[in-house]
């Protein structure tokens, strides 16, 4: 029987994958500047009063990302309370929280430095490559926050991550190498 902690951890993983997919939609629709250069507000407002389609897409991504952070905080607290001192899930939960906060900081930086929507500078391409890499380390449990959190409760081993993660890494490497320059051409800033 699967524990409620393991079920919640898997739910957090699924939710985070959904947030990543929604972020890809934000990029594909070039809605990343929908809230302007304001963060965490949307055009200076907590809730946009007269939103455009781009604003709704960007605002909903900010809300879902914030909920992802809250879900990881709740999961980390739960793991710390449920697992004995020295259990690998506790260390994983701590690192998961660190990585989630770092990813939030990078996302905020994209907005505040106006590296969104139609920005095609090398700085944007570099940050996007870092974000893709940060959210796509499938081959180790320590590469991404949700990988770490599900390792303990799910009973996964390093070998499980290698066996399933390396093929995903290779596929992502090919896709990103081909598509990244199409969406974010490497050009110097004007």
N, C-alpha and C. Protein backbone atom coordinates (compact mmCIF):
# COMPACT_ATOMS: atom_id res chain seq x y z
N UNK A 1 0.85 -1.18 0.00
CA UNK A 1 0.00 0.00 0.00
C UNK A 1 0.89 1.24 0.00
N UNK A 2 0.57 2.18 -0.85
CA UNK A 2 1.37 3.40 -0.98
C UNK A 2 0.95 4.38 0.10
N UNK A 3 1.96 4.97 0.76
CA UNK A 3 1.65 5.93 1.82
C UNK A 3 1.11 7.22 1.24
N UNK A 4 0.43 7.99 2.07
CA UNK A 4 -0.11 9.27 1.61
C UNK A 4 1.01 10.24 1.27
N UNK A 5 2.15 10.14 1.95
CA UNK A 5 3.30 10.98 1.62
C UNK A 5 3.81 10.68 0.21
N UNK A 6 3.93 9.41 -0.13
CA UNK A 6 4.39 9.03 -1.47
C UNK A 6 3.38 9.48 -2.52
N UNK A 7 2.10 9.35 -2.23
CA UNK A 7 1.06 9.80 -3.16
C UNK A 7 1.15 11.31 -3.38
N UNK A 8 1.32 12.06 -2.29
CA UNK A 8 1.45 13.51 -2.40
C UNK A 8 2.71 13.87 -3.18
N UNK A 9 3.82 13.16 -2.92
CA UNK A 9 5.07 13.43 -3.63
C UNK A 9 4.89 13.21 -5.13
N UNK A 10 4.20 12.16 -5.51
CA UNK A 10 3.95 11.92 -6.93
C UNK A 10 3.03 12.99 -7.52
N UNK A 11 2.08 13.44 -6.71
CA UNK A 11 1.21 14.53 -7.17
C UNK A 11 1.99 15.82 -7.38
N UNK A 12 2.93 16.11 -6.49
CA UNK A 12 3.78 17.30 -6.65
C UNK A 12 4.62 17.17 -7.91
N UNK A 13 5.13 15.98 -8.15
CA UNK A 13 5.91 15.75 -9.37
C UNK A 13 5.05 16.01 -10.61
N UNK A 14 3.86 15.43 -10.65
CA UNK A 14 2.97 15.61 -11.80
C UNK A 14 2.60 17.08 -11.97
N UNK A 15 2.31 17.76 -10.88
CA UNK A 15 1.95 19.18 -10.95
C UNK A 15 3.11 20.01 -11.49
N UNK A 16 4.34 19.73 -11.01
CA UNK A 16 5.51 20.46 -11.50
C UNK A 16 5.74 20.23 -12.98
N UNK A 17 5.51 19.02 -13.46
CA UNK A 17 5.61 18.75 -14.89
C UNK A 17 4.58 19.57 -15.67
N UNK A 18 3.40 19.72 -15.10
CA UNK A 18 2.38 20.56 -15.72
C UNK A 18 2.79 22.03 -15.77
N UNK A 19 3.40 22.50 -14.70
CA UNK A 19 3.88 23.89 -14.66
C UNK A 19 4.97 24.10 -15.71
N UNK A 20 5.85 23.12 -15.86
CA UNK A 20 6.90 23.21 -16.88
C UNK A 20 6.26 23.27 -18.27
N UNK A 21 5.27 22.44 -18.52
CA UNK A 21 4.59 22.44 -19.81
C UNK A 21 3.88 23.77 -20.05
N UNK A 22 3.26 24.32 -19.01
CA UNK A 22 2.59 25.62 -19.14
C UNK A 22 3.62 26.72 -19.42
N UNK A 23 4.77 26.62 -18.81
CA UNK A 23 5.85 27.58 -19.09
C UNK A 23 6.28 27.51 -20.54
N UNK A 24 6.30 26.30 -21.10
CA UNK A 24 6.63 26.15 -22.52
C UNK A 24 5.56 26.83 -23.38
N UNK A 25 4.30 26.72 -22.97
CA UNK A 25 3.22 27.38 -23.69
C UNK A 25 3.39 28.90 -23.62
N UNK A 26 3.76 29.41 -22.45
CA UNK A 26 4.01 30.86 -22.30
C UNK A 26 5.07 31.30 -23.29
N UNK A 27 6.16 30.53 -23.38
CA UNK A 27 7.24 30.88 -24.31
C UNK A 27 6.78 30.76 -25.75
N UNK A 28 6.07 29.68 -26.08
CA UNK A 28 5.65 29.45 -27.46
C UNK A 28 4.69 30.53 -27.95
N UNK A 29 3.85 31.05 -27.05
CA UNK A 29 2.90 32.10 -27.43
C UNK A 29 3.49 33.49 -27.26
N UNK A 30 4.74 33.56 -26.81
CA UNK A 30 5.43 34.85 -26.57
C UNK A 30 4.64 35.74 -25.62
N UNK A 31 4.04 35.13 -24.61
CA UNK A 31 3.25 35.86 -23.62
C UNK A 31 4.05 36.23 -22.39
N UNK A 32 5.34 35.97 -22.39
CA UNK A 32 6.17 36.20 -21.21
C UNK A 32 6.22 37.64 -20.73
N UNK A 33 5.93 38.60 -21.62
CA UNK A 33 5.92 40.01 -21.22
C UNK A 33 4.51 40.48 -20.91
N UNK A 34 3.57 39.56 -20.77
CA UNK A 34 2.18 39.92 -20.54
C UNK A 34 1.93 40.74 -19.30
N UNK A 35 2.78 40.59 -18.30
CA UNK A 35 2.63 41.36 -17.06
C UNK A 35 3.64 42.50 -16.98
N UNK A 36 4.31 42.78 -18.08
CA UNK A 36 5.30 43.86 -18.07
C UNK A 36 6.53 43.46 -17.28
N UNK A 37 7.34 44.45 -16.95
CA UNK A 37 8.58 44.20 -16.20
C UNK A 37 8.34 44.28 -14.70
N UNK A 38 7.19 43.86 -14.26
CA UNK A 38 6.84 43.86 -12.84
C UNK A 38 6.88 42.43 -12.32
N UNK A 39 7.50 42.27 -11.16
CA UNK A 39 7.48 40.97 -10.51
C UNK A 39 7.56 41.21 -9.02
N UNK A 40 6.75 40.59 -8.21
CA UNK A 40 5.77 39.55 -8.51
C UNK A 40 4.42 40.09 -8.98
N UNK A 41 4.25 41.41 -9.02
CA UNK A 41 2.98 41.96 -9.47
C UNK A 41 2.83 41.82 -10.98
N UNK A 42 1.61 42.01 -11.46
CA UNK A 42 1.31 41.93 -12.89
C UNK A 42 0.91 43.33 -13.33
N UNK A 43 1.80 44.00 -14.05
CA UNK A 43 1.60 45.39 -14.45
C UNK A 43 1.27 46.27 -13.24
N UNK A 44 1.93 46.01 -12.14
CA UNK A 44 1.76 46.81 -10.93
C UNK A 44 0.55 46.45 -10.09
N UNK A 45 -0.20 45.41 -10.47
CA UNK A 45 -1.40 45.01 -9.75
C UNK A 45 -1.27 43.57 -9.26
N UNK A 46 -1.87 43.29 -8.11
CA UNK A 46 -1.87 41.92 -7.59
C UNK A 46 -2.68 41.01 -8.52
N UNK A 47 -3.87 41.47 -8.88
CA UNK A 47 -4.72 40.77 -9.85
C UNK A 47 -5.03 41.76 -10.96
N UNK A 48 -4.70 41.43 -12.20
CA UNK A 48 -4.91 42.37 -13.30
C UNK A 48 -6.38 42.77 -13.44
N UNK A 49 -6.63 44.08 -13.57
CA UNK A 49 -8.01 44.56 -13.65
C UNK A 49 -8.59 44.49 -15.05
N UNK A 50 -7.80 44.73 -16.08
CA UNK A 50 -8.30 44.61 -17.46
C UNK A 50 -7.27 43.82 -18.27
N UNK A 51 -7.27 42.51 -18.09
CA UNK A 51 -6.22 41.69 -18.70
C UNK A 51 -6.41 41.45 -20.20
N UNK A 52 -5.29 41.35 -20.88
CA UNK A 52 -5.26 40.90 -22.27
C UNK A 52 -5.04 39.39 -22.26
N UNK A 53 -5.11 38.77 -23.43
CA UNK A 53 -4.88 37.32 -23.51
C UNK A 53 -3.46 36.99 -23.05
N UNK A 54 -2.47 37.76 -23.50
CA UNK A 54 -1.08 37.52 -23.10
C UNK A 54 -0.90 37.69 -21.60
N UNK A 55 -1.58 38.68 -21.04
CA UNK A 55 -1.49 38.91 -19.60
C UNK A 55 -2.08 37.74 -18.83
N UNK A 56 -3.21 37.20 -19.29
CA UNK A 56 -3.81 36.06 -18.60
C UNK A 56 -2.91 34.83 -18.65
N UNK A 57 -2.27 34.61 -19.80
CA UNK A 57 -1.37 33.47 -19.92
C UNK A 57 -0.20 33.62 -18.96
N UNK A 58 0.44 34.79 -18.96
CA UNK A 58 1.60 35.02 -18.08
C UNK A 58 1.19 35.01 -16.61
N UNK A 59 0.07 35.67 -16.29
CA UNK A 59 -0.40 35.71 -14.90
C UNK A 59 -0.71 34.31 -14.39
N UNK A 60 -1.38 33.49 -15.21
CA UNK A 60 -1.71 32.12 -14.77
C UNK A 60 -0.43 31.30 -14.56
N UNK A 61 0.62 31.56 -15.36
CA UNK A 61 1.88 30.85 -15.14
C UNK A 61 2.50 31.27 -13.82
N UNK A 62 2.42 32.54 -13.50
CA UNK A 62 2.96 33.00 -12.21
C UNK A 62 2.20 32.36 -11.04
N UNK A 63 0.89 32.28 -11.17
CA UNK A 63 0.08 31.67 -10.10
C UNK A 63 0.41 30.19 -9.96
N UNK A 64 0.47 29.46 -11.08
CA UNK A 64 0.76 28.02 -10.99
C UNK A 64 2.19 27.78 -10.49
N UNK A 65 3.12 28.65 -10.86
CA UNK A 65 4.49 28.52 -10.35
C UNK A 65 4.55 28.77 -8.85
N UNK A 66 3.80 29.77 -8.40
CA UNK A 66 3.74 30.03 -6.96
C UNK A 66 3.15 28.86 -6.19
N UNK A 67 2.10 28.25 -6.75
CA UNK A 67 1.51 27.07 -6.11
C UNK A 67 2.49 25.89 -6.13
N UNK A 68 3.30 25.79 -7.18
CA UNK A 68 4.32 24.73 -7.22
C UNK A 68 5.31 24.93 -6.07
N UNK A 69 5.73 26.16 -5.84
CA UNK A 69 6.64 26.44 -4.73
C UNK A 69 6.00 26.08 -3.39
N UNK A 70 4.75 26.47 -3.21
CA UNK A 70 4.04 26.13 -1.96
C UNK A 70 3.94 24.62 -1.80
N UNK A 71 3.64 23.89 -2.90
CA UNK A 71 3.52 22.43 -2.80
C UNK A 71 4.84 21.79 -2.41
N UNK A 72 5.96 22.33 -2.89
CA UNK A 72 7.27 21.79 -2.52
C UNK A 72 7.59 22.13 -1.06
N UNK A 73 7.22 23.32 -0.60
CA UNK A 73 7.42 23.67 0.81
C UNK A 73 6.64 22.72 1.70
N UNK A 74 5.37 22.48 1.37
CA UNK A 74 4.54 21.56 2.16
C UNK A 74 5.15 20.16 2.14
N UNK A 75 5.57 19.71 0.98
CA UNK A 75 6.17 18.38 0.88
C UNK A 75 7.46 18.29 1.69
N UNK A 76 8.29 19.33 1.64
CA UNK A 76 9.54 19.32 2.40
C UNK A 76 9.26 19.25 3.90
N UNK A 77 8.30 20.02 4.37
CA UNK A 77 7.95 19.98 5.80
C UNK A 77 7.44 18.60 6.17
N UNK A 78 6.59 18.03 5.33
CA UNK A 78 6.03 16.70 5.59
C UNK A 78 7.14 15.65 5.64
N UNK A 79 8.06 15.71 4.67
CA UNK A 79 9.17 14.75 4.65
C UNK A 79 10.02 14.90 5.90
N UNK A 80 10.32 16.13 6.30
CA UNK A 80 11.15 16.36 7.49
C UNK A 80 10.47 15.84 8.75
N UNK A 81 9.16 15.90 8.80
CA UNK A 81 8.44 15.40 9.97
C UNK A 81 8.27 13.88 9.94
N UNK A 82 8.11 13.31 8.74
CA UNK A 82 7.80 11.89 8.62
C UNK A 82 9.03 10.99 8.60
N UNK A 83 10.17 11.51 8.15
CA UNK A 83 11.36 10.67 7.99
C UNK A 83 12.35 10.92 9.12
N UNK A 84 13.01 9.85 9.51
CA UNK A 84 13.97 9.93 10.61
C UNK A 84 15.20 10.76 10.21
N UNK A 85 15.86 11.30 11.21
CA UNK A 85 17.08 12.07 10.97
C UNK A 85 18.09 11.18 10.23
N UNK A 86 18.72 11.75 9.18
CA UNK A 86 19.68 11.00 8.39
C UNK A 86 19.08 10.30 7.19
N UNK A 87 17.75 10.27 7.10
CA UNK A 87 17.09 9.63 5.95
C UNK A 87 17.38 10.45 4.70
N UNK A 88 17.70 9.81 3.57
CA UNK A 88 18.03 10.55 2.35
C UNK A 88 16.90 11.46 1.85
N UNK A 89 15.65 11.11 2.16
CA UNK A 89 14.54 11.94 1.72
C UNK A 89 14.59 13.32 2.37
N UNK A 90 15.09 13.40 3.60
CA UNK A 90 15.20 14.71 4.26
C UNK A 90 16.21 15.61 3.55
N UNK A 91 17.34 15.05 3.19
CA UNK A 91 18.34 15.82 2.47
C UNK A 91 17.79 16.22 1.10
N UNK A 92 17.12 15.28 0.46
CA UNK A 92 16.52 15.57 -0.83
C UNK A 92 15.48 16.67 -0.77
N UNK A 93 14.68 16.65 0.28
CA UNK A 93 13.66 17.68 0.44
C UNK A 93 14.30 19.06 0.63
N UNK A 94 15.39 19.11 1.38
CA UNK A 94 16.09 20.38 1.57
C UNK A 94 16.65 20.92 0.26
N UNK A 95 17.30 20.04 -0.50
CA UNK A 95 17.85 20.46 -1.79
C UNK A 95 16.74 20.81 -2.78
N UNK A 96 15.63 20.10 -2.71
CA UNK A 96 14.51 20.40 -3.59
C UNK A 96 14.02 21.83 -3.37
N UNK A 97 13.95 22.20 -2.12
CA UNK A 97 13.52 23.56 -1.80
C UNK A 97 14.53 24.59 -2.30
N UNK A 98 15.81 24.31 -2.15
CA UNK A 98 16.86 25.22 -2.64
C UNK A 98 16.74 25.38 -4.15
N UNK A 99 16.58 24.26 -4.87
CA UNK A 99 16.47 24.34 -6.33
C UNK A 99 15.20 25.07 -6.77
N UNK A 100 14.11 24.85 -6.08
CA UNK A 100 12.86 25.52 -6.43
C UNK A 100 13.00 27.03 -6.23
N UNK A 101 13.64 27.45 -5.14
CA UNK A 101 13.86 28.88 -4.90
C UNK A 101 14.80 29.47 -5.95
N UNK A 102 15.82 28.71 -6.35
CA UNK A 102 16.73 29.20 -7.39
C UNK A 102 16.00 29.35 -8.71
N UNK A 103 15.15 28.41 -9.04
CA UNK A 103 14.40 28.51 -10.30
C UNK A 103 13.44 29.70 -10.26
N UNK A 104 12.84 29.96 -9.11
CA UNK A 104 11.97 31.14 -8.97
C UNK A 104 12.77 32.42 -9.16
N UNK A 105 13.98 32.45 -8.62
CA UNK A 105 14.83 33.64 -8.76
C UNK A 105 15.21 33.86 -10.23
N UNK A 106 15.51 32.80 -10.95
CA UNK A 106 15.86 32.94 -12.37
C UNK A 106 14.64 33.44 -13.15
N UNK A 107 13.46 32.91 -12.85
CA UNK A 107 12.24 33.37 -13.51
C UNK A 107 11.97 34.84 -13.23
N UNK A 108 12.16 35.25 -11.98
CA UNK A 108 11.99 36.66 -11.64
C UNK A 108 13.01 37.53 -12.37
N UNK A 109 14.25 37.03 -12.48
CA UNK A 109 15.28 37.77 -13.19
C UNK A 109 14.94 37.96 -14.66
N UNK A 110 14.36 36.93 -15.28
CA UNK A 110 13.93 37.06 -16.68
C UNK A 110 12.96 38.22 -16.84
N UNK A 111 12.02 38.34 -15.91
CA UNK A 111 11.02 39.40 -15.98
C UNK A 111 11.66 40.76 -15.68
N UNK A 112 12.38 40.84 -14.58
CA UNK A 112 12.92 42.13 -14.15
C UNK A 112 13.96 42.69 -15.11
N UNK A 113 14.72 41.82 -15.79
CA UNK A 113 15.72 42.28 -16.76
C UNK A 113 15.15 42.32 -18.18
N UNK A 114 13.82 42.11 -18.27
CA UNK A 114 13.09 42.19 -19.54
C UNK A 114 13.65 41.25 -20.61
N UNK A 115 13.95 40.03 -20.18
CA UNK A 115 14.44 38.99 -21.10
C UNK A 115 13.31 38.04 -21.46
N UNK A 116 12.16 38.61 -21.81
CA UNK A 116 10.95 37.82 -22.09
C UNK A 116 10.42 38.14 -23.47
N UNK A 117 9.40 37.41 -23.87
CA UNK A 117 8.67 37.61 -25.12
C UNK A 117 9.58 37.66 -26.33
N UNK A 118 9.72 38.82 -26.98
CA UNK A 118 10.46 38.93 -28.24
C UNK A 118 11.94 39.21 -28.05
N UNK A 119 12.44 39.14 -26.84
CA UNK A 119 13.86 39.38 -26.60
C UNK A 119 14.66 38.22 -27.21
N UNK A 120 15.57 38.53 -28.11
CA UNK A 120 16.34 37.50 -28.80
C UNK A 120 17.83 37.66 -28.57
N UNK A 121 18.21 38.16 -27.41
CA UNK A 121 19.62 38.38 -27.13
C UNK A 121 20.29 37.09 -26.68
N UNK A 122 21.61 37.11 -26.67
CA UNK A 122 22.36 35.95 -26.19
C UNK A 122 22.11 35.72 -24.70
N UNK A 123 21.87 36.79 -23.96
CA UNK A 123 21.59 36.63 -22.52
C UNK A 123 20.33 35.80 -22.32
N UNK A 124 19.31 36.06 -23.09
CA UNK A 124 18.06 35.30 -22.99
C UNK A 124 18.30 33.85 -23.38
N UNK A 125 19.03 33.62 -24.47
CA UNK A 125 19.29 32.24 -24.90
C UNK A 125 20.06 31.47 -23.83
N UNK A 126 21.04 32.12 -23.22
CA UNK A 126 21.81 31.47 -22.16
C UNK A 126 20.93 31.12 -20.97
N UNK A 127 20.12 32.06 -20.53
CA UNK A 127 19.24 31.80 -19.38
C UNK A 127 18.23 30.71 -19.71
N UNK A 128 17.71 30.70 -20.93
CA UNK A 128 16.76 29.65 -21.30
C UNK A 128 17.43 28.28 -21.32
N UNK A 129 18.68 28.23 -21.79
CA UNK A 129 19.40 26.95 -21.76
C UNK A 129 19.60 26.48 -20.32
N UNK A 130 19.91 27.41 -19.42
CA UNK A 130 20.07 27.07 -18.00
C UNK A 130 18.74 26.57 -17.43
N UNK A 131 17.64 27.25 -17.75
CA UNK A 131 16.33 26.82 -17.26
C UNK A 131 15.96 25.44 -17.79
N UNK A 132 16.19 25.19 -19.07
CA UNK A 132 15.91 23.86 -19.63
C UNK A 132 16.74 22.81 -18.90
N UNK A 133 18.01 23.10 -18.72
CA UNK A 133 18.89 22.16 -18.03
C UNK A 133 18.47 21.93 -16.59
N UNK A 134 18.06 23.01 -15.92
CA UNK A 134 17.68 22.90 -14.51
C UNK A 134 16.41 22.10 -14.32
N UNK A 135 15.50 22.18 -15.28
CA UNK A 135 14.25 21.46 -15.10
C UNK A 135 14.23 20.13 -15.83
N UNK A 136 15.37 19.69 -16.33
CA UNK A 136 15.37 18.46 -17.10
C UNK A 136 16.53 17.54 -16.75
N UNK A 137 16.90 17.51 -15.50
CA UNK A 137 17.94 16.56 -15.10
C UNK A 137 17.26 15.30 -14.60
N UNK A 138 17.06 14.39 -15.54
CA UNK A 138 16.31 13.17 -15.24
C UNK A 138 17.18 12.02 -14.76
N UNK A 139 18.50 12.09 -14.94
CA UNK A 139 19.36 10.94 -14.74
C UNK A 139 19.84 10.76 -13.30
N UNK A 140 19.57 11.70 -12.43
CA UNK A 140 19.98 11.55 -11.03
C UNK A 140 18.85 12.05 -10.13
N UNK A 141 18.77 11.52 -8.93
CA UNK A 141 17.76 12.02 -8.00
C UNK A 141 18.12 13.40 -7.45
N UNK A 142 19.38 13.81 -7.56
CA UNK A 142 19.77 15.11 -7.00
C UNK A 142 19.76 16.22 -8.03
N UNK A 143 19.32 15.93 -9.26
CA UNK A 143 19.35 16.92 -10.32
C UNK A 143 18.17 17.88 -10.32
N UNK A 144 17.05 17.49 -9.76
CA UNK A 144 15.88 18.34 -9.78
C UNK A 144 15.08 18.07 -8.51
N UNK A 145 14.40 19.11 -7.99
CA UNK A 145 13.76 18.99 -6.69
C UNK A 145 12.75 17.86 -6.59
N UNK A 146 11.93 17.68 -7.59
CA UNK A 146 10.92 16.63 -7.49
C UNK A 146 11.55 15.24 -7.59
N UNK A 147 12.67 15.12 -8.31
CA UNK A 147 13.37 13.83 -8.35
C UNK A 147 13.79 13.43 -6.94
N UNK A 148 14.34 14.38 -6.21
CA UNK A 148 14.81 14.09 -4.85
C UNK A 148 13.67 13.73 -3.91
N UNK A 149 12.59 14.47 -4.05
CA UNK A 149 11.50 14.26 -3.11
C UNK A 149 10.84 12.91 -3.30
N UNK A 150 10.69 12.45 -4.55
CA UNK A 150 10.02 11.16 -4.76
C UNK A 150 10.94 9.97 -4.55
N UNK A 151 12.25 10.19 -4.48
CA UNK A 151 13.17 9.07 -4.34
C UNK A 151 12.92 8.27 -3.06
N UNK A 152 12.88 8.96 -1.93
CA UNK A 152 12.69 8.27 -0.66
C UNK A 152 11.34 7.61 -0.53
N UNK A 153 10.24 8.39 -0.61
CA UNK A 153 8.92 7.77 -0.47
C UNK A 153 8.60 6.75 -1.55
N UNK A 154 9.13 6.93 -2.76
CA UNK A 154 8.83 6.01 -3.85
C UNK A 154 9.72 4.78 -3.88
N UNK A 155 10.78 4.79 -3.07
CA UNK A 155 11.69 3.66 -3.02
C UNK A 155 12.57 3.51 -4.26
N UNK A 156 12.83 4.61 -4.95
CA UNK A 156 13.65 4.55 -6.17
C UNK A 156 15.13 4.54 -5.81
N UNK A 157 15.95 4.01 -6.72
CA UNK A 157 17.40 3.98 -6.54
C UNK A 157 18.06 4.82 -7.62
N UNK A 158 19.37 5.07 -7.45
CA UNK A 158 20.12 5.81 -8.47
C UNK A 158 20.04 5.08 -9.82
N UNK A 159 20.06 3.76 -9.78
CA UNK A 159 19.99 2.97 -11.02
C UNK A 159 18.67 3.23 -11.76
N UNK A 160 17.57 3.38 -11.03
CA UNK A 160 16.28 3.68 -11.67
C UNK A 160 16.36 4.99 -12.45
N UNK A 161 16.98 6.00 -11.84
CA UNK A 161 17.09 7.29 -12.51
C UNK A 161 17.98 7.19 -13.75
N UNK A 162 19.06 6.45 -13.65
CA UNK A 162 19.95 6.29 -14.81
C UNK A 162 19.25 5.53 -15.94
N UNK A 163 18.59 4.44 -15.60
CA UNK A 163 17.95 3.60 -16.60
C UNK A 163 16.87 4.35 -17.36
N UNK A 164 16.09 5.16 -16.68
CA UNK A 164 15.01 5.89 -17.34
C UNK A 164 15.44 7.30 -17.77
N UNK A 165 16.37 7.89 -17.04
CA UNK A 165 16.75 9.27 -17.29
C UNK A 165 17.69 9.50 -18.44
N UNK A 166 18.64 8.58 -18.66
CA UNK A 166 19.60 8.79 -19.75
C UNK A 166 18.93 8.87 -21.13
N UNK A 167 17.99 7.99 -21.46
CA UNK A 167 17.31 8.15 -22.75
C UNK A 167 16.56 9.48 -22.87
N UNK A 168 15.96 9.92 -21.77
CA UNK A 168 15.28 11.22 -21.78
C UNK A 168 16.28 12.35 -21.99
N UNK A 169 17.45 12.25 -21.34
CA UNK A 169 18.51 13.25 -21.54
C UNK A 169 18.92 13.33 -23.00
N UNK A 170 19.15 12.20 -23.61
CA UNK A 170 19.58 12.20 -25.01
C UNK A 170 18.52 12.81 -25.91
N UNK A 171 17.26 12.46 -25.69
CA UNK A 171 16.18 13.02 -26.51
C UNK A 171 16.07 14.53 -26.31
N UNK A 172 16.15 14.97 -25.06
CA UNK A 172 16.05 16.41 -24.78
C UNK A 172 17.24 17.16 -25.36
N UNK A 173 18.41 16.56 -25.29
CA UNK A 173 19.61 17.20 -25.85
C UNK A 173 19.43 17.48 -27.34
N UNK A 174 18.92 16.50 -28.06
CA UNK A 174 18.70 16.67 -29.50
C UNK A 174 17.64 17.74 -29.75
N UNK A 175 16.52 17.65 -29.04
CA UNK A 175 15.43 18.60 -29.26
C UNK A 175 15.86 20.03 -28.92
N UNK A 176 16.51 20.22 -27.78
CA UNK A 176 16.93 21.57 -27.38
C UNK A 176 18.00 22.11 -28.32
N UNK A 177 18.93 21.27 -28.73
CA UNK A 177 19.98 21.72 -29.65
C UNK A 177 19.38 22.21 -30.96
N UNK A 178 18.34 21.56 -31.43
CA UNK A 178 17.72 21.95 -32.69
C UNK A 178 16.78 23.14 -32.50
N UNK A 179 15.96 23.12 -31.44
CA UNK A 179 14.91 24.13 -31.30
C UNK A 179 15.34 25.42 -30.60
N UNK A 180 16.28 25.37 -29.68
CA UNK A 180 16.66 26.58 -28.94
C UNK A 180 17.06 27.73 -29.87
N UNK A 181 17.92 27.50 -30.86
CA UNK A 181 18.27 28.62 -31.75
C UNK A 181 17.10 29.11 -32.61
N UNK A 182 16.09 28.26 -32.83
CA UNK A 182 14.93 28.70 -33.60
C UNK A 182 14.08 29.69 -32.82
N UNK A 183 13.91 29.44 -31.52
CA UNK A 183 13.10 30.32 -30.69
C UNK A 183 13.89 31.50 -30.14
N UNK A 184 15.15 31.27 -29.83
CA UNK A 184 16.00 32.32 -29.27
C UNK A 184 17.31 32.38 -30.05
N UNK A 185 17.28 33.03 -31.22
CA UNK A 185 18.49 33.10 -32.04
C UNK A 185 19.62 33.78 -31.28
N UNK A 186 20.82 33.29 -31.51
CA UNK A 186 21.99 33.83 -30.82
C UNK A 186 22.49 35.06 -31.55
N UNK A 187 22.02 36.22 -31.09
CA UNK A 187 22.45 37.48 -31.67
C UNK A 187 22.89 38.41 -30.57
N UNK A 188 23.81 39.31 -30.86
CA UNK A 188 24.19 40.28 -29.83
C UNK A 188 23.06 41.26 -29.56
N UNK A 189 23.04 41.82 -28.38
CA UNK A 189 22.01 42.80 -28.03
C UNK A 189 22.20 44.06 -28.87
N UNK A 190 21.10 44.72 -29.25
CA UNK A 190 21.23 45.94 -30.06
C UNK A 190 21.87 47.07 -29.30
